[in-house]
Amino acid sequence: MNIFHYLIILLLFAFLIVILVGFLIISYLYYRSSSGIINFKVDKNNNRVIRISNKYHFLSTIFDSQNSNFKEFNFLSLNDFLDYFKEDSRDKISKQFEGFIPEGKSEVLEVYINSKYRKNFSLIDRILVVLDKTITRTPSYTLTIHQDSASDYICSLKWSKISHRVQKFRIKEHSKNAKFEIKEKNTVVIGALIKPEFYLKNLRVADIYEIYSIFNFAPKKTFYFKEEGMVYFVLKNIKQNKYKEYVTIINDLNQSSNINKVFSTLTIFKFHEIVDEKNKLDLKNVLKYSLYNIYCRPQEIDLFINFDHKILQEKKFIEFSDMLNKYDVLNNSSENDFFIRKSVIVKYNKNEKGNLYLYECQIKNLAISDSWIRFFKQIPYLEYKYQKIWYNYIADYSRDNTQNPMVKISQEVFLDKQFNVSIDKPLCLVYANNNAFMSELLKEKILKNSENKIYTALYIETIDRALINIINTVDKLKVIIIGEKISQNLSDWSVAYDCLSIISLAKTKNIQVVFENPKKDLDELIVEKLNIKYAFDSSLNN
């Protein structure tokens, strides 16, 4: 073999190496994630952090290096975690972990990565950093912190390789666009339930921009809708690797929904073309089928996400759509096919009936089962949609009744400008999903109603500072009902002590306190300390 043959072999070998390197670079660019969310929990007592979401592939972020200890369900010291960030960002984060974040609230920080961080980087990691400077020069991360207990914090870190300017961000909503259509068959839909407090508010451009940034949506291929308590995005020409990336992001977002101020539950699925009204209706029904089931059965999320348009032919979807349609028809029927369920307020452990009742509308039509009714009544938007109908029906029913009726009403219905109460209508028992009371708006409405001698009751499931502030500054509450979630655990002295502040405040303001279904064998000392006189007993109906 002469030198010419060796040269040919050498050139061929070099060519293969170039091909291999090119393939690796293309694979890296193809499979790495360009945006996402990292969920983690901070244990301040032990100064450690545990990641509760998977790593991203190919060093998508500096947190995902091959030898990093910051991997799913693995503890990392808080100091080692803070080393990932620039000094001023470290200081901001540390300060939040030293303070107090009210329940139901969260702190949102803009933080920056330490571009010089290389701890435990392998040779491959270092090569990837050379290939892709965005790993260490990614625009700011959004850190959301929610306090879970006195020393525990649930956090999410959102990131995107592409930086947009929110000031230049423009979005068009297509909900009322009758001419909207997509003829491509590889359509993808990403949707979310919005939290109830946003039924009365317009979503800000910044709120929608945040979703665009997390997913790196291409504006020209993305169509935005907001209707019926949902927001959703219809995307065309989405490749399979990008779809898988979206699925990962959505799974991570669903884990951290309690710290997202706007969205509670998200889904993703594939759909066919959208060319007529039936396609649009089918799309919304699939969204509801997926989101409602995930909301009610979060532990079974895999059953209700990541499917295609064939779901339209499946028996379980057809039954859901049929029952949802019947539920809507029955609630909007001019015949009002309801009966009134009455639960009486009684003296604790005596079962002596009082003169205050809780009224509730129930559908009595046999065309829909109790299990489906219970399912739909768990959905906040459906409650918001129909509670005005139920309240007015009960108001007409009880007009000549000598009983004092209360009706459970969400704060979103209570605050709605179209919802009118008067002195001759039932007392509103106002509740908030996840106890997320809109304190200032509620105080304003309660005080305004009281000027016309219209009083209000509150239903509470969690005791926090915001709630105490409402009770402390409003003198016109008539009743406070301590929900079953608390009442069933009064034998736990820590729960009982939390109630003491509410009981003391109520006593000074002459507000009647009622406990929902408390245990009948409570310690006498607890009964005495909490001044438990009245119980809301749902087993006694009149």
Foldseek 3Di string as FASTA:
>chain_A
DDPVVVVVVVVVVVVVVVVVVVVVVVCLVLQFDQKFKWKWKAQQVQQKIATAAAATPPLSAVCRAPPHQRGHGGIDGNVVVLLQFDPVQSVVVVVVQVDDDWALAKDKDWTATDLPDCPPHDPSNVVSCVVDVLNRVFGTWIKIWHDPDPRMIIIMIIGGNDDDDLVPDDADACAPPQQDWFQAFFKKKKKFFWFLVCVPPDDDSVLVVSVCRRLVDDRVQWHWHDDLRMIMIIGPDDDPSSVVSVVSRQVVCQVVLSRRNTTNHMAMETEGIGGHPVSVVLVVLLVCQQHLCCVVCVVPNVVNHYYYHCVVVDPVSVVLVVQVVVVVCQLPPPVNQWDKWKFFKAWAPPRHGDQEIEIDIDHPDPPHDPVSVVSQVVDVSSLLVRVLSGQVVVLVVCLVPPGQYEYEHEVSNLLDPPRDDAPSGHAYAYEYVSRPDPQVSVLVSQVVRVVRPREHEYEDADQIDSVLVNLQPHLRHAEYEDEPNLQQPLLPVVSLVSLLSVLVSCVVSVHHYEYEPHDNPHDVVSCVSSVHTIYRYSVDTD
